[in-house]
């Protein structure tokens, strides 16, 4: 059997993940699966930093998506209906405008005379 001593960075990662898992509210873990997910994360963490890195990246991406959804919703919740409807119409039409701009550019370049 070989003895293993974790580096300072590994010890810090372990402490940070442990602190995070002990928080009362974890948006990254569903309440119904929190115990199971905590055990899995601790097992990965004990295995190696490489083993847990993909899982932590996935959780970070999930939290980023949740934060963007909350931010997007909070931006539009107090807007008048006319503004929201106008934005939705703009969003639908912008692709058409881009296509029209591309057509105009290709037509104008075809009509250029080079000397």
PDB file of N, CA and C in Angstrom:
ATOM      1  N   UNK A   1       0.840  -1.169   0.000  1.00  0.00           N
ATOM      2  CA  UNK A   1       0.000   0.000   0.000  1.00  0.00           C
ATOM      3  C   UNK A   1       0.896   1.246   0.000  1.00  0.00           C
ATOM      4  N   UNK A   2       0.520   2.206  -0.839  1.00  0.00           N
ATOM      5  CA  UNK A   2       1.264   3.466  -0.895  1.00  0.00           C
ATOM      6  C   UNK A   2       0.518   4.545  -0.130  1.00  0.00           C
ATOM      7  N   UNK A   3       1.286   5.355   0.546  1.00  0.00           N
ATOM      8  CA  UNK A   3       0.670   6.484   1.241  1.00  0.00           C
ATOM      9  C   UNK A   3       0.522   7.640   0.267  1.00  0.00           C
ATOM     10  N   UNK A   4      -0.546   8.358   0.435  1.00  0.00           N
ATOM     11  CA  UNK A   4      -0.810   9.492  -0.451  1.00  0.00           C
ATOM     12  C   UNK A   4      -1.074  10.728   0.402  1.00  0.00           C
ATOM     13  N   UNK A   5      -0.441  11.805   0.049  1.00  0.00           N
ATOM     14  CA  UNK A   5      -0.651  13.070   0.738  1.00  0.00           C
ATOM     15  C   UNK A   5      -1.137  14.098  -0.282  1.00  0.00           C
ATOM     16  N   UNK A   6      -2.368  14.578  -0.124  1.00  0.00           N
ATOM     17  CA  UNK A   6      -2.886  15.542  -1.096  1.00  0.00           C
ATOM     18  C   UNK A   6      -2.125  16.863  -1.048  1.00  0.00           C
ATOM     19  N   UNK A   7      -2.033  17.488  -2.218  1.00  0.00           N
ATOM     20  CA  UNK A   7      -1.356  18.786  -2.299  1.00  0.00           C
ATOM     21  C   UNK A   7      -2.220  19.853  -1.632  1.00  0.00           C
ATOM     22  N   UNK A   8      -1.643  21.013  -1.435  1.00  0.00           N
ATOM     23  CA  UNK A   8      -2.395  22.133  -0.845  1.00  0.00           C
ATOM     24  C   UNK A   8      -3.612  22.481  -1.712  1.00  0.00           C
ATOM     25  N   UNK A   9      -3.430  22.476  -3.040  1.00  0.00           N
ATOM     26  CA  UNK A   9      -4.547  22.780  -3.946  1.00  0.00           C
ATOM     27  C   UNK A   9      -5.661  21.737  -3.825  1.00  0.00           C
ATOM     28  N   UNK A  10      -5.290  20.472  -3.727  1.00  0.00           N
ATOM     29  CA  UNK A  10      -6.284  19.407  -3.573  1.00  0.00           C
ATOM     30  C   UNK A  10      -7.024  19.533  -2.245  1.00  0.00           C
ATOM     31  N   UNK A  11      -6.305  19.878  -1.185  1.00  0.00           N
ATOM     32  CA  UNK A  11      -6.944  20.074   0.115  1.00  0.00           C
ATOM     33  C   UNK A  11      -7.903  21.263   0.075  1.00  0.00           C
ATOM     34  N   UNK A  12      -7.490  22.318  -0.620  1.00  0.00           N
ATOM     35  CA  UNK A  12      -8.361  23.495  -0.735  1.00  0.00           C
ATOM     36  C   UNK A  12      -9.620  23.149  -1.537  1.00  0.00           C
ATOM     37  N   UNK A  13      -9.461  22.405  -2.637  1.00  0.00           N
ATOM     38  CA  UNK A  13     -10.622  21.989  -3.431  1.00  0.00           C
ATOM     39  C   UNK A  13     -11.571  21.147  -2.582  1.00  0.00           C
ATOM     40  N   UNK A  14     -11.031  20.209  -1.814  1.00  0.00           N
ATOM     41  CA  UNK A  14     -11.849  19.361  -0.948  1.00  0.00           C
ATOM     42  C   UNK A  14     -12.635  20.219   0.045  1.00  0.00           C
ATOM     43  N   UNK A  15     -11.967  21.193   0.644  1.00  0.00           N
ATOM     44  CA  UNK A  15     -12.622  22.067   1.622  1.00  0.00           C
ATOM     45  C   UNK A  15     -13.721  22.906   0.965  1.00  0.00           C
ATOM     46  N   UNK A  16     -13.434  23.444  -0.212  1.00  0.00           N
ATOM     47  CA  UNK A  16     -14.428  24.274  -0.911  1.00  0.00           C
ATOM     48  C   UNK A  16     -15.660  23.468  -1.322  1.00  0.00           C
ATOM     49  N   UNK A  17     -15.421  22.267  -1.861  1.00  0.00           N
ATOM     50  CA  UNK A  17     -16.552  21.418  -2.266  1.00  0.00           C
ATOM     51  C   UNK A  17     -17.340  20.982  -1.035  1.00  0.00           C
ATOM     52  N   UNK A  18     -16.658  20.633   0.038  1.00  0.00           N
ATOM     53  CA  UNK A  18     -17.342  20.234   1.275  1.00  0.00           C
ATOM     54  C   UNK A  18     -18.190  21.374   1.833  1.00  0.00           C
ATOM     55  N   UNK A  19     -17.622  22.572   1.839  1.00  0.00           N
ATOM     56  CA  UNK A  19     -18.383  23.744   2.309  1.00  0.00           C
ATOM     57  C   UNK A  19     -19.615  23.972   1.448  1.00  0.00           C
ATOM     58  N   UNK A  20     -19.441  23.843   0.140  1.00  0.00           N
ATOM     59  CA  UNK A  20     -20.560  24.043  -0.780  1.00  0.00           C
ATOM     60  C   UNK A  20     -21.667  23.015  -0.531  1.00  0.00           C
ATOM     61  N   UNK A  21     -21.277  21.762  -0.360  1.00  0.00           N
ATOM     62  CA  UNK A  21     -22.269  20.695  -0.168  1.00  0.00           C
ATOM     63  C   UNK A  21     -23.023  20.823   1.155  1.00  0.00           C
ATOM     64  N   UNK A  22     -22.471  21.567   2.103  1.00  0.00           N
ATOM     65  CA  UNK A  22     -23.135  21.744   3.395  1.00  0.00           C
ATOM     66  C   UNK A  22     -24.074  22.949   3.430  1.00  0.00           C
ATOM     67  N   UNK A  23     -24.155  23.700   2.349  1.00  0.00           N
ATOM     68  CA  UNK A  23     -25.053  24.858   2.318  1.00  0.00           C
ATOM     69  C   UNK A  23     -26.501  24.392   2.382  1.00  0.00           C
ATOM     70  N   UNK A  24     -27.358  25.190   3.006  1.00  0.00           N
ATOM     71  CA  UNK A  24     -28.763  24.784   3.108  1.00  0.00           C
ATOM     72  C   UNK A  24     -29.495  24.793   1.762  1.00  0.00           C
ATOM     73  N   UNK A  25     -29.138  25.710   0.863  1.00  0.00           N
ATOM     74  CA  UNK A  25     -29.777  25.788  -0.456  1.00  0.00           C
ATOM     75  C   UNK A  25     -28.744  25.546  -1.537  1.00  0.00           C
ATOM     76  N   UNK A  26     -28.970  24.496  -2.310  1.00  0.00           N
ATOM     77  CA  UNK A  26     -28.094  24.192  -3.434  1.00  0.00           C
ATOM     78  C   UNK A  26     -28.937  24.162  -4.702  1.00  0.00           C
ATOM     79  N   UNK A  27     -28.771  25.169  -5.531  1.00  0.00           N
ATOM     80  CA  UNK A  27     -29.560  25.243  -6.751  1.00  0.00           C
ATOM     81  C   UNK A  27     -29.107  24.222  -7.790  1.00  0.00           C
ATOM     82  N   UNK A  28     -27.875  23.768  -7.685  1.00  0.00           N
ATOM     83  CA  UNK A  28     -27.342  22.827  -8.666  1.00  0.00           C
ATOM     84  C   UNK A  28     -27.818  21.392  -8.429  1.00  0.00           C
ATOM     85  N   UNK A  29     -28.258  21.095  -7.217  1.00  0.00           N
ATOM     86  CA  UNK A  29     -28.683  19.727  -6.900  1.00  0.00           C
ATOM     87  C   UNK A  29     -30.164  19.705  -6.546  1.00  0.00           C
ATOM     88  N   UNK A  30     -30.930  18.850  -7.213  1.00  0.00           N
ATOM     89  CA  UNK A  30     -32.342  18.738  -6.860  1.00  0.00           C
ATOM     90  C   UNK A  30     -32.503  18.263  -5.412  1.00  0.00           C
ATOM     91  N   UNK A  31     -33.467  18.810  -4.717  1.00  0.00           N
ATOM     92  CA  UNK A  31     -33.680  18.473  -3.306  1.00  0.00           C
ATOM     93  C   UNK A  31     -33.866  16.968  -3.132  1.00  0.00           C
ATOM     94  N   UNK A  32     -34.623  16.355  -4.037  1.00  0.00           N
ATOM     95  CA  UNK A  32     -34.917  14.925  -3.903  1.00  0.00           C
ATOM     96  C   UNK A  32     -33.679  14.049  -4.092  1.00  0.00           C
ATOM     97  N   UNK A  33     -32.636  14.566  -4.737  1.00  0.00           N
ATOM     98  CA  UNK A  33     -31.441  13.767  -5.006  1.00  0.00           C
ATOM     99  C   UNK A  33     -30.201  14.290  -4.280  1.00  0.00           C
ATOM    100  N   UNK A  34     -30.407  15.211  -3.374  1.00  0.00           N
ATOM    101  CA  UNK A  34     -29.254  15.861  -2.742  1.00  0.00           C
ATOM    102  C   UNK A  34     -28.363  14.888  -1.981  1.00  0.00           C
ATOM    103  N   UNK A  35     -28.932  14.003  -1.201  1.00  0.00           N
ATOM    104  CA  UNK A  35     -28.119  13.049  -0.430  1.00  0.00           C
ATOM    105  C   UNK A  35     -27.300  12.151  -1.347  1.00  0.00           C
ATOM    106  N   UNK A  36     -27.942  11.606  -2.352  1.00  0.00           N
ATOM    107  CA  UNK A  36     -27.256  10.723  -3.285  1.00  0.00           C
ATOM    108  C   UNK A  36     -26.163  11.479  -4.042  1.00  0.00           C
ATOM    109  N   UNK A  37     -26.491  12.663  -4.553  1.00  0.00           N
ATOM    110  CA  UNK A  37     -25.518  13.458  -5.304  1.00  0.00           C
ATOM    111  C   UNK A  37     -24.339  13.866  -4.422  1.00  0.00           C
ATOM    112  N   UNK A  38     -24.602  14.179  -3.150  1.00  0.00           N
ATOM    113  CA  UNK A  38     -23.523  14.539  -2.225  1.00  0.00           C
ATOM    114  C   UNK A  38     -22.578  13.363  -2.037  1.00  0.00           C
ATOM    115  N   UNK A  39     -23.120  12.174  -1.877  1.00  0.00           N
ATOM    116  CA  UNK A  39     -22.273  10.984  -1.728  1.00  0.00           C
ATOM    117  C   UNK A  39     -21.436  10.755  -2.985  1.00  0.00           C
ATOM    118  N   UNK A  40     -22.052  10.906  -4.141  1.00  0.00           N
ATOM    119  CA  UNK A  40     -21.331  10.705  -5.404  1.00  0.00           C
ATOM    120  C   UNK A  40     -20.213  11.739  -5.553  1.00  0.00           C
ATOM    121  N   UNK A  41     -20.529  12.996  -5.251  1.00  0.00           N
ATOM    122  CA  UNK A  41     -19.518  14.046  -5.368  1.00  0.00           C
ATOM    123  C   UNK A  41     -18.354  13.812  -4.405  1.00  0.00           C
ATOM    124  N   UNK A  42     -18.651  13.383  -3.205  1.00  0.00           N
ATOM    125  CA  UNK A  42     -17.574  13.096  -2.238  1.00  0.00           C
ATOM    126  C   UNK A  42     -16.715  11.914  -2.698  1.00  0.00           C
ATOM    127  N   UNK A  43     -17.343  10.907  -3.291  1.00  0.00           N
ATOM    128  CA  UNK A  43     -16.603   9.757  -3.803  1.00  0.00           C
ATOM    129  C   UNK A  43     -15.686  10.192  -4.949  1.00  0.00           C
ATOM    130  N   UNK A  44     -16.213  11.008  -5.861  1.00  0.00           N
ATOM    131  CA  UNK A  44     -15.395  11.518  -6.963  1.00  0.00           C
ATOM    132  C   UNK A  44     -14.243  12.368  -6.440  1.00  0.00           C
ATOM    133  N   UNK A  45     -14.546  13.193  -5.459  1.00  0.00           N
ATOM    134  CA  UNK A  45     -13.543  14.073  -4.876  1.00  0.00           C
ATOM    135  C   UNK A  45     -12.431  13.273  -4.203  1.00  0.00           C
ATOM    136  N   UNK A  46     -12.802  12.193  -3.545  1.00  0.00           N
ATOM    137  CA  UNK A  46     -11.795  11.351  -2.883  1.00  0.00           C
ATOM    138  C   UNK A  46     -10.960  10.594  -3.909  1.00  0.00           C
ATOM    139  N   UNK A  47     -11.546  10.340  -5.070  1.00  0.00           N
ATOM    140  CA  UNK A  47     -10.843   9.604  -6.113  1.00  0.00           C
ATOM    141  C   UNK A  47      -9.714  10.438  -6.707  1.00  0.00           C
ATOM    142  N   UNK A  48     -10.059  11.591  -7.251  1.00  0.00           N
ATOM    143  CA  UNK A  48      -9.044  12.500  -7.803  1.00  0.00           C
ATOM    144  C   UNK A  48      -9.705  13.804  -8.219  1.00  0.00           C
ATOM    145  N   UNK A  49      -8.885  14.822  -8.364  1.00  0.00           N
ATOM    146  CA  UNK A  49      -9.427  16.103  -8.828  1.00  0.00           C
ATOM    147  C   UNK A  49      -9.892  15.978 -10.274  1.00  0.00           C
ATOM    148  N   UNK A  50      -9.205  15.144 -11.054  1.00  0.00           N
ATOM    149  CA  UNK A  50      -9.615  14.927 -12.441  1.00  0.00           C
ATOM    150  C   UNK A  50     -10.992  14.273 -12.497  1.00  0.00           C
ATOM    151  N   UNK A  51     -11.240  13.332 -11.592  1.00  0.00           N
ATOM    152  CA  UNK A  51     -12.513  12.606 -11.594  1.00  0.00           C
ATOM    153  C   UNK A  51     -13.692  13.526 -11.327  1.00  0.00           C
ATOM    154  N   UNK A  52     -13.515  14.531 -10.515  1.00  0.00           N
ATOM    155  CA  UNK A  52     -14.632  15.409 -10.165  1.00  0.00           C
ATOM    156  C   UNK A  52     -14.727  16.625 -11.096  1.00  0.00           C
ATOM    157  N   UNK A  53     -13.698  16.910 -11.862  1.00  0.00           N
ATOM    158  CA  UNK A  53     -13.675  18.137 -12.667  1.00  0.00           C
ATOM    159  C   UNK A  53     -14.828  18.213 -13.669  1.00  0.00           C
ATOM    160  N   UNK A  54     -15.123  17.121 -14.359  1.00  0.00           N
ATOM    161  CA  UNK A  54     -16.222  17.124 -15.327  1.00  0.00           C
ATOM    162  C   UNK A  54     -17.567  17.357 -14.660  1.00  0.00           C
ATOM    163  N   UNK A  55     -17.762  16.751 -13.502  1.00  0.00           N
ATOM    164  CA  UNK A  55     -19.010  16.920 -12.766  1.00  0.00           C
ATOM    165  C   UNK A  55     -19.168  18.359 -12.285  1.00  0.00           C
ATOM    166  N   UNK A  56     -18.091  18.933 -11.763  1.00  0.00           N
ATOM    167  CA  UNK A  56     -18.152  20.325 -11.306  1.00  0.00           C
ATOM    168  C   UNK A  56     -18.399  21.276 -12.479  1.00  0.00           C
ATOM    169  N   UNK A  57     -17.793  20.984 -13.628  1.00  0.00           N
ATOM    170  CA  UNK A  57     -18.059  21.790 -14.828  1.00  0.00           C
ATOM    171  C   UNK A  57     -19.525  21.710 -15.224  1.00  0.00           C
ATOM    172  N   UNK A  58     -20.079  20.502 -15.183  1.00  0.00           N
ATOM    173  CA  UNK A  58     -21.492  20.322 -15.517  1.00  0.00           C
ATOM    174  C   UNK A  58     -22.408  21.091 -14.570  1.00  0.00           C
ATOM    175  N   UNK A  59     -22.103  21.049 -13.279  1.00  0.00           N
ATOM    176  CA  UNK A  59     -22.892  21.794 -12.294  1.00  0.00           C
ATOM    177  C   UNK A  59     -22.764  23.300 -12.520  1.00  0.00           C
ATOM    178  N   UNK A  60     -21.561  23.761 -12.841  1.00  0.00           N
ATOM    179  CA  UNK A  60     -21.350  25.189 -13.107  1.00  0.00           C
ATOM    180  C   UNK A  60     -22.137  25.633 -14.330  1.00  0.00           C
ATOM    181  N   UNK A  61     -22.138  24.813 -15.375  1.00  0.00           N
ATOM    182  CA  UNK A  61     -22.915  25.141 -16.582  1.00  0.00           C
ATOM    183  C   UNK A  61     -24.409  25.185 -16.287  1.00  0.00           C
ATOM    184  N   UNK A  62     -24.869  24.254 -15.461  1.00  0.00           N
ATOM    185  CA  UNK A  62     -26.282  24.223 -15.082  1.00  0.00           C
ATOM    186  C   UNK A  62     -26.654  25.494 -14.312  1.00  0.00           C
ATOM    187  N   UNK A  63     -25.812  25.893 -13.374  1.00  0.00           N
ATOM    188  CA  UNK A  63     -26.070  27.113 -12.601  1.00  0.00           C
ATOM    189  C   UNK A  63     -26.033  28.346 -13.488  1.00  0.00           C
ATOM    190  N   UNK A  64     -25.114  28.368 -14.454  1.00  0.00           N
ATOM    191  CA  UNK A  64     -25.024  29.488 -15.387  1.00  0.00           C
ATOM    192  C   UNK A  64     -26.307  29.599 -16.202  1.00  0.00           C
ATOM    193  N   UNK A  65     -26.829  28.474 -16.665  1.00  0.00           N
ATOM    194  CA  UNK A  65     -28.075  28.462 -17.428  1.00  0.00           C
ATOM    195  C   UNK A  65     -29.239  28.955 -16.569  1.00  0.00           C
ATOM    196  N   UNK A  66     -29.323  28.495 -15.337  1.00  0.00           N
ATOM    197  CA  UNK A  66     -30.384  28.937 -14.424  1.00  0.00           C
ATOM    198  C   UNK A  66     -30.282  30.441 -14.194  1.00  0.00           C
ATOM    199  N   UNK A  67     -29.072  30.931 -13.977  1.00  0.00           N
ATOM    200  CA  UNK A  67     -28.872  32.367 -13.732  1.00  0.00           C
ATOM    201  C   UNK A  67     -29.290  33.189 -14.943  1.00  0.00           C
ATOM    202  N   UNK A  68     -28.955  32.712 -16.153  1.00  0.00           N
ATOM    203  CA  UNK A  68     -29.352  33.442 -17.367  1.00  0.00           C
ATOM    204  C   UNK A  68     -30.865  33.449 -17.535  1.00  0.00           C
ATOM    205  N   UNK A  69     -31.515  32.320 -17.238  1.00  0.00           N
ATOM    206  CA  UNK A  69     -32.972  32.256 -17.350  1.00  0.00           C
ATOM    207  C   UNK A  69     -33.637  33.208 -16.358  1.00  0.00           C
ATOM    208  N   UNK A  70     -33.130  33.249 -15.139  1.00  0.00           N
ATOM    209  CA  UNK A  70     -33.676  34.154 -14.125  1.00  0.00           C
ATOM    210  C   UNK A  70     -33.455  35.596 -14.554  1.00  0.00           C
ATOM    211  N   UNK A  71     -32.271  35.899 -15.046  1.00  0.00           N
ATOM    212  CA  UNK A  71     -31.951  37.250 -15.484  1.00  0.00           C
ATOM    213  C   UNK A  71     -32.830  37.666 -16.659  1.00  0.00           C
ATOM    214  N   UNK A  72     -33.008  36.772 -17.640  1.00  0.00           N
ATOM    215  CA  UNK A  72     -33.860  37.078 -18.787  1.00  0.00           C
ATOM    216  C   UNK A  72     -35.295  37.330 -18.350  1.00  0.00           C
ATOM    217  N   UNK A  73     -35.798  36.513 -17.423  1.00  0.00           N
ATOM    218  CA  UNK A  73     -37.179  36.670 -16.953  1.00  0.00           C
ATOM    219  C   UNK A  73     -37.341  37.978 -16.188  1.00  0.00           C
ATOM    220  N   UNK A  74     -36.352  38.327 -15.370  1.00  0.00           N
ATOM    221  CA  UNK A  74     -36.474  39.546 -14.573  1.00  0.00           C
ATOM    222  C   UNK A  74     -36.381  40.790 -15.440  1.00  0.00           C
ATOM    223  N   UNK A  75     -35.712  40.681 -16.590  1.00  0.00           N
ATOM    224  CA  UNK A  75     -35.622  41.828 -17.492  1.00  0.00           C
ATOM    225  C   UNK A  75     -36.956  42.167 -18.135  1.00  0.00           C
ATOM    226  N   UNK A  76     -37.784  41.153 -18.356  1.00  0.00           N
ATOM    227  CA  UNK A  76     -39.028  41.378 -19.100  1.00  0.00           C
ATOM    228  C   UNK A  76     -40.282  41.363 -18.239  1.00  0.00           C
ATOM    229  N   UNK A  77     -40.184  41.022 -16.971  1.00  0.00           N
ATOM    230  CA  UNK A  77     -41.406  40.844 -16.181  1.00  0.00           C
ATOM    231  C   UNK A  77     -42.173  42.148 -15.934  1.00  0.00           C
ATOM    232  N   UNK A  78     -41.511  43.290 -15.914  1.00  0.00           N
ATOM    233  CA  UNK A  78     -42.196  44.546 -15.639  1.00  0.00           C
ATOM    234  C   UNK A  78     -42.430  45.396 -16.885  1.00  0.00           C
ATOM    235  N   UNK A  79     -42.163  44.838 -18.047  1.00  0.00           N
ATOM    236  CA  UNK A  79     -42.360  45.597 -19.274  1.00  0.00           C
ATOM    237  C   UNK A  79     -43.821  45.562 -19.702  1.00  0.00           C
ATOM    238  N   UNK A  80     -44.308  46.647 -20.324  1.00  0.00           N
ATOM    239  CA  UNK A  80     -45.670  46.634 -20.841  1.00  0.00           C
ATOM    240  C   UNK A  80     -45.812  45.594 -21.953  1.00  0.00           C
ATOM    241  N   UNK A  81     -47.040  45.095 -22.141  1.00  0.00           N
ATOM    242  CA  UNK A  81     -47.292  44.070 -23.155  1.00  0.00           C
ATOM    243  C   UNK A  81     -46.885  44.529 -24.550  1.00  0.00           C
ATOM    244  N   UNK A  82     -47.083  45.830 -24.855  1.00  0.00           N
ATOM    245  CA  UNK A  82     -46.733  46.307 -26.197  1.00  0.00           C
ATOM    246  C   UNK A  82     -45.253  46.125 -26.476  1.00  0.00           C
ATOM    247  N   UNK A  83     -44.428  46.370 -25.465  1.00  0.00           N
ATOM    248  CA  UNK A  83     -42.982  46.234 -25.652  1.00  0.00           C
ATOM    249  C   UNK A  83     -42.617  44.773 -25.849  1.00  0.00           C
ATOM    250  N   UNK A  84     -43.189  43.894 -25.040  1.00  0.00           N
ATOM    251  CA  UNK A  84     -42.901  42.464 -25.160  1.00  0.00           C
ATOM    252  C   UNK A  84     -43.341  41.955 -26.528  1.00  0.00           C
ATOM    253  N   UNK A  85     -44.542  42.343 -26.972  1.00  0.00           N
ATOM    254  CA  UNK A  85     -45.036  41.910 -28.286  1.00  0.00           C
ATOM    255  C   UNK A  85     -44.148  42.440 -29.402  1.00  0.00           C
ATOM    256  N   UNK A  86     -43.717  43.690 -29.283  1.00  0.00           N
ATOM    257  CA  UNK A  86     -42.835  44.268 -30.304  1.00  0.00           C
ATOM    258  C   UNK A  86     -41.514  43.506 -30.357  1.00  0.00           C
ATOM    259  N   UNK A  87     -40.988  43.174 -29.189  1.00  0.00           N
ATOM    260  CA  UNK A  87     -39.726  42.433 -29.152  1.00  0.00           C
ATOM    261  C   UNK A  87     -39.894  41.060 -29.792  1.00  0.00           C
ATOM    262  N   UNK A  88     -40.994  40.378 -29.489  1.00  0.00           N
ATOM    263  CA  UNK A  88     -41.225  39.056 -30.064  1.00  0.00           C
ATOM    264  C   UNK A  88     -41.343  39.150 -31.584  1.00  0.00           C
ATOM    265  N   UNK A  89     -42.016  40.184 -32.076  1.00  0.00           N
ATOM    266  CA  UNK A  89     -42.123  40.369 -33.522  1.00  0.00           C
ATOM    267  C   UNK A  89     -40.758  40.669 -34.122  1.00  0.00           C
ATOM    268  N   UNK A  90     -39.980  41.497 -33.440  1.00  0.00           N
ATOM    269  CA  UNK A  90     -38.629  41.802 -33.919  1.00  0.00           C
ATOM    270  C   UNK A  90     -37.794  40.532 -33.995  1.00  0.00           C
ATOM    271  N   UNK A  91     -37.867  39.725 -32.940  1.00  0.00           N
ATOM    272  CA  UNK A  91     -37.081  38.502 -32.881  1.00  0.00           C
ATOM    273  C   UNK A  91     -37.430  37.579 -34.053  1.00  0.00           C
ATOM    274  N   UNK A  92     -38.718  37.509 -34.407  1.00  0.00           N
ATOM    275  CA  UNK A  92     -39.143  36.670 -35.527  1.00  0.00           C
ATOM    276  C   UNK A  92     -38.677  37.237 -36.869  1.00  0.00           C
ATOM    277  N   UNK A  93     -38.635  38.556 -36.990  1.00  0.00           N
ATOM    278  CA  UNK A  93     -38.331  39.187 -38.272  1.00  0.00           C
ATOM    279  C   UNK A  93     -36.844  39.428 -38.506  1.00  0.00           C
ATOM    280  N   UNK A  94     -36.035  39.405 -37.478  1.00  0.00           N
ATOM    281  CA  UNK A  94     -34.629  39.773 -37.659  1.00  0.00           C
ATOM    282  C   UNK A  94     -33.910  38.828 -38.613  1.00  0.00           C
ATOM    283  N   UNK A  95     -34.277  37.529 -38.591  1.00  0.00           N
ATOM    284  CA  UNK A  95     -33.650  36.594 -39.520  1.00  0.00           C
ATOM    285  C   UNK A  95     -33.991  36.946 -40.964  1.00  0.00           C
ATOM    286  N   UNK A  96     -35.230  37.372 -41.189  1.00  0.00           N
ATOM    287  CA  UNK A  96     -35.632  37.782 -42.539  1.00  0.00           C
ATOM    288  C   UNK A  96     -34.841  39.001 -42.986  1.00  0.00           C
ATOM    289  N   UNK A  97     -34.625  39.951 -42.077  1.00  0.00           N
ATOM    290  CA  UNK A  97     -33.870  41.152 -42.415  1.00  0.00           C
ATOM    291  C   UNK A  97     -32.428  40.806 -42.754  1.00  0.00           C
ATOM    292  N   UNK A  98     -31.858  39.877 -42.004  1.00  0.00           N
ATOM    293  CA  UNK A  98     -30.472  39.466 -42.271  1.00  0.00           C
ATOM    294  C   UNK A  98     -30.376  38.857 -43.658  1.00  0.00           C
ATOM    295  N   UNK A  99     -31.354  37.997 -44.005  1.00  0.00           N
ATOM    296  CA  UNK A  99     -31.362  37.386 -45.333  1.00  0.00           C
ATOM    297  C   UNK A  99     -31.482  38.446 -46.419  1.00  0.00           C
ATOM    298  N   UNK A 100     -32.340  39.453 -46.216  1.00  0.00           N
ATOM    299  CA  UNK A 100     -32.505  40.533 -47.189  1.00  0.00           C
ATOM    300  C   UNK A 100     -31.211  41.318 -47.348  1.00  0.00           C
ATOM    301  N   UNK A 101     -30.522  41.604 -46.236  1.00  0.00           N
ATOM    302  CA  UNK A 101     -29.253  42.331 -46.290  1.00  0.00           C
ATOM    303  C   UNK A 101     -28.214  41.540 -47.088  1.00  0.00           C
ATOM    304  N   UNK A 102     -28.177  40.239 -46.892  1.00  0.00           N
ATOM    305  CA  UNK A 102     -27.233  39.402 -47.632  1.00  0.00           C
ATOM    306  C   UNK A 102     -27.525  39.443 -49.126  1.00  0.00           C
ATOM    307  N   UNK A 103     -28.828  39.391 -49.483  1.00  0.00           N
ATOM    308  CA  UNK A 103     -29.217  39.455 -50.886  1.00  0.00           C
ATOM    309  C   UNK A 103     -28.805  40.781 -51.507  1.00  0.00           C
ATOM    310  N   UNK A 104     -29.021  41.892 -50.776  1.00  0.00           N
ATOM    311  CA  UNK A 104     -28.664  43.216 -51.290  1.00  0.00           C
ATOM    312  C   UNK A 104     -27.164  43.333 -51.499  1.00  0.00           C
ATOM    313  N   UNK A 105     -26.368  42.795 -50.555  1.00  0.00           N
ATOM    314  CA  UNK A 105     -24.913  42.862 -50.687  1.00  0.00           C
ATOM    315  C   UNK A 105     -24.438  42.073 -51.891  1.00  0.00           C
ATOM    316  N   UNK A 106     -25.019  40.900 -52.109  1.00  0.00           N
ATOM    317  CA  UNK A 106     -24.583  40.097 -53.250  1.00  0.00           C
ATOM    318  C   UNK A 106     -24.993  40.763 -54.560  1.00  0.00           C
ATOM    319  N   UNK A 107     -26.155  41.421 -54.600  1.00  0.00           N
ATOM    320  CA  UNK A 107     -26.586  42.130 -55.805  1.00  0.00           C
ATOM    321  C   UNK A 107     -25.711  43.341 -56.072  1.00  0.00           C
ATOM    322  N   UNK A 108     -25.370  44.093 -55.042  1.00  0.00           N
ATOM    323  CA  UNK A 108     -24.561  45.303 -55.231  1.00  0.00           C
ATOM    324  C   UNK A 108     -23.141  44.938 -55.658  1.00  0.00           C
ATOM    325  N   UNK A 109     -22.604  43.851 -55.155  1.00  0.00           N
ATOM    326  CA  UNK A 109     -21.254  43.447 -55.578  1.00  0.00           C
ATOM    327  C   UNK A 109     -21.258  42.902 -56.994  1.00  0.00           C
ATOM    328  N   UNK A 110     -22.388  42.339 -57.425  1.00  0.00           N
ATOM    329  CA  UNK A 110     -22.480  41.836 -58.790  1.00  0.00           C
ATOM    330  C   UNK A 110     -22.546  42.985 -59.783  1.00  0.00           C
ATOM    331  N   UNK A 111     -23.043  44.153 -59.364  1.00  0.00           N
ATOM    332  CA  UNK A 111     -23.187  45.295 -60.254  1.00  0.00           C
ATOM    333  C   UNK A 111     -21.948  46.197 -60.259  1.00  0.00           C
ATOM    334  N   UNK A 112     -20.936  45.858 -59.478  1.00  0.00           N
ATOM    335  CA  UNK A 112     -19.731  46.690 -59.419  1.00  0.00           C
ATOM    336  C   UNK A 112     -18.924  46.522 -60.698  1.00  0.00           C
ATOM    337  N   UNK A 113     -18.331  47.622 -61.131  1.00  0.00           N
ATOM    338  CA  UNK A 113     -17.462  47.591 -62.293  1.00  0.00           C
ATOM    339  C   UNK A 113     -16.051  47.844 -61.795  1.00  0.00           C
ATOM    340  N   UNK A 114     -15.162  46.931 -62.088  1.00  0.00           N
ATOM    341  CA  UNK A 114     -13.765  47.066 -61.683  1.00  0.00           C
ATOM    342  C   UNK A 114     -12.935  47.555 -62.855  1.00  0.00           C
ATOM    343  N   UNK A 115     -12.098  48.512 -62.640  1.00  0.00           N
ATOM    344  CA  UNK A 115     -11.254  49.066 -63.718  1.00  0.00           C
ATOM    345  C   UNK A 115      -9.818  48.853 -63.382  1.00  0.00           C
TER     346      UNK A 115
END
